[in-house]
Amino acid sequence: MHIEKNNDDDPEKHNDAVRDIAFSPTNEKYVTCSADKSLRISDLKNGLVEKVLEGHGSDASSVDWHPYYSLLASGGKDRYIKIWDPR
């Protein structure tokens, strides 16, 4: 019998489908956005989530890093574009 783990218990995982992924300009980190309304920034070497960003009112559907600054931009089905300073 196969039993799936509930993602609600694991802060390392999104609770819904991942909609987009983007790699930092230095390729040291990546960020994912999800239908669970959150973004997760992870270290590329070890895959551990370093930060969870929440603030969209519905699905976060796209995300990207600024090419020069430590900023992220995300868009969601809530029709907002959010600028994040993850520091």
C-alpha atoms as a PDB file:
ATOM      1  CA  MET A   1       0.000   0.000   0.000  1.00  0.00           C
ATOM      2  CA  HIS A   2       1.271   3.463  -0.921  1.00  0.00           C
ATOM      3  CA  ILE A   3       0.713   6.238   1.625  1.00  0.00           C
ATOM      4  CA  GLU A   4       1.396   9.818   0.606  1.00  0.00           C
ATOM      5  CA  LYS A   5       2.741  12.280   3.111  1.00  0.00           C
ATOM      6  CA  ASN A   6       0.616  15.337   3.758  1.00  0.00           C
ATOM      7  CA  ASN A   7       2.616  18.424   2.681  1.00  0.00           C
ATOM      8  CA  ASP A   8       0.946  20.520   5.419  1.00  0.00           C
ATOM      9  CA  ASP A   9       3.387  18.951   7.885  1.00  0.00           C
ATOM     10  CA  ASP A  10       6.519  19.753   5.876  1.00  0.00           C
ATOM     11  CA  PRO A  11       7.594  23.409   5.631  1.00  0.00           C
ATOM     12  CA  GLU A  12      10.089  22.454   2.914  1.00  0.00           C
ATOM     13  CA  LYS A  13       7.284  21.701   0.457  1.00  0.00           C
ATOM     14  CA  HIS A  14       4.499  23.642  -1.171  1.00  0.00           C
ATOM     15  CA  ASN A  15       0.973  22.561  -0.275  1.00  0.00           C
ATOM     16  CA  ASP A  16      -0.219  22.767  -3.895  1.00  0.00           C
ATOM     17  CA  ALA A  17       1.116  22.686  -7.460  1.00  0.00           C
ATOM     18  CA  VAL A  18       4.329  24.556  -8.281  1.00  0.00           C
ATOM     19  CA  ARG A  19       3.597  27.067 -11.059  1.00  0.00           C
ATOM     20  CA  ASP A  20       7.054  28.509 -11.822  1.00  0.00           C
ATOM     21  CA  ILE A  21      10.736  28.310 -10.890  1.00  0.00           C
ATOM     22  CA  ALA A  22      13.539  30.833 -11.370  1.00  0.00           C
ATOM     23  CA  PHE A  23      17.255  30.684 -10.671  1.00  0.00           C
ATOM     24  CA  SER A  24      19.142  33.585  -9.086  1.00  0.00           C
ATOM     25  CA  PRO A  25      21.602  35.492 -11.291  1.00  0.00           C
ATOM     26  CA  THR A  26      24.462  33.850  -9.356  1.00  0.00           C
ATOM     27  CA  ASN A  27      22.891  30.379  -9.750  1.00  0.00           C
ATOM     28  CA  GLU A  28      23.299  29.795  -6.007  1.00  0.00           C
ATOM     29  CA  LYS A  29      19.586  29.859  -5.186  1.00  0.00           C
ATOM     30  CA  TYR A  30      16.250  29.180  -6.806  1.00  0.00           C
ATOM     31  CA  VAL A  31      12.728  30.313  -6.037  1.00  0.00           C
ATOM     32  CA  THR A  32       9.463  28.496  -6.674  1.00  0.00           C
ATOM     33  CA  CYS A  33       5.935  29.867  -6.636  1.00  0.00           C
ATOM     34  CA  SER A  34       2.837  27.823  -6.091  1.00  0.00           C
ATOM     35  CA  ALA A  35      -0.935  27.614  -6.172  1.00  0.00           C
ATOM     36  CA  ASP A  36      -0.647  27.624  -2.350  1.00  0.00           C
ATOM     37  CA  LYS A  37      -0.044  31.426  -2.659  1.00  0.00           C
ATOM     38  CA  SER A  38       3.585  31.268  -1.478  1.00  0.00           C
ATOM     39  CA  LEU A  39       7.131  31.560  -2.793  1.00  0.00           C
ATOM     40  CA  ARG A  40       9.977  29.455  -1.433  1.00  0.00           C
ATOM     41  CA  ILE A  41      13.645  30.394  -1.787  1.00  0.00           C
ATOM     42  CA  SER A  42      16.014  27.418  -1.665  1.00  0.00           C
ATOM     43  CA  ASP A  43      19.750  26.857  -1.756  1.00  0.00           C
ATOM     44  CA  LEU A  44      20.733  25.107  -4.993  1.00  0.00           C
ATOM     45  CA  LYS A  45      23.514  23.021  -3.409  1.00  0.00           C
ATOM     46  CA  ASN A  46      21.517  21.429  -0.619  1.00  0.00           C
ATOM     47  CA  GLY A  47      17.929  22.099  -1.724  1.00  0.00           C
ATOM     48  CA  LEU A  48      16.916  23.407   1.696  1.00  0.00           C
ATOM     49  CA  VAL A  49      14.264  26.101   1.891  1.00  0.00           C
ATOM     50  CA  GLU A  50      15.794  29.271   3.325  1.00  0.00           C
ATOM     51  CA  LYS A  51      12.751  31.525   3.259  1.00  0.00           C
ATOM     52  CA  VAL A  52       9.009  31.358   2.654  1.00  0.00           C
ATOM     53  CA  LEU A  53       7.321  34.483   1.276  1.00  0.00           C
ATOM     54  CA  GLU A  54       3.561  34.826   1.607  1.00  0.00           C
ATOM     55  CA  GLY A  55       1.280  37.609   0.466  1.00  0.00           C
ATOM     56  CA  HIS A  56      -0.635  36.721  -2.688  1.00  0.00           C
ATOM     57  CA  GLY A  57      -4.408  36.447  -2.335  1.00  0.00           C
ATOM     58  CA  SER A  58      -4.589  33.437  -4.659  1.00  0.00           C
ATOM     59  CA  ASP A  59      -2.279  31.280  -6.803  1.00  0.00           C
ATOM     60  CA  ALA A  60       1.217  32.709  -7.289  1.00  0.00           C
ATOM     61  CA  SER A  61       1.700  31.849 -10.950  1.00  0.00           C
ATOM     62  CA  SER A  62       5.001  33.430 -12.014  1.00  0.00           C
ATOM     63  CA  VAL A  63       8.261  34.500 -10.415  1.00  0.00           C
ATOM     64  CA  ASP A  64      11.636  35.881 -11.510  1.00  0.00           C
ATOM     65  CA  TRP A  65      14.815  37.363 -10.024  1.00  0.00           C
ATOM     66  CA  HIS A  66      15.993  40.855 -10.849  1.00  0.00           C
ATOM     67  CA  PRO A  67      19.150  40.461 -12.969  1.00  0.00           C
ATOM     68  CA  TYR A  68      21.281  42.825 -10.818  1.00  0.00           C
ATOM     69  CA  TYR A  69      19.616  43.379  -7.439  1.00  0.00           C
ATOM     70  CA  SER A  70      18.529  40.993  -4.720  1.00  0.00           C
ATOM     71  CA  LEU A  71      14.856  41.395  -5.605  1.00  0.00           C
ATOM     72  CA  LEU A  72      12.112  39.080  -6.786  1.00  0.00           C
ATOM     73  CA  ALA A  73       8.974  39.836  -8.759  1.00  0.00           C
ATOM     74  CA  SER A  74       5.953  37.556  -8.660  1.00  0.00           C
ATOM     75  CA  GLY A  75       2.560  37.608 -10.311  1.00  0.00           C
ATOM     76  CA  GLY A  76      -0.569  35.878  -9.161  1.00  0.00           C
ATOM     77  CA  LYS A  77      -4.121  35.083 -10.106  1.00  0.00           C
ATOM     78  CA  ASP A  78      -5.078  37.804  -7.623  1.00  0.00           C
ATOM     79  CA  ARG A  79      -3.948  40.161 -10.459  1.00  0.00           C
ATOM     80  CA  TYR A  80      -1.143  41.692  -8.399  1.00  0.00           C
ATOM     81  CA  ILE A  81       2.542  41.943  -9.175  1.00  0.00           C
ATOM     82  CA  LYS A  82       4.596  41.903  -6.002  1.00  0.00           C
ATOM     83  CA  ILE A  83       8.198  43.018  -5.559  1.00  0.00           C
ATOM     84  CA  TRP A  84      10.023  41.179  -2.782  1.00  0.00           C
ATOM     85  CA  ASP A  85      13.259  41.971  -0.980  1.00  0.00           C
ATOM     86  CA  PRO A  86      14.091  38.524   0.458  1.00  0.00           C
ATOM     87  CA  ARG A  87      16.914  39.832   2.654  1.00  0.00           C
END
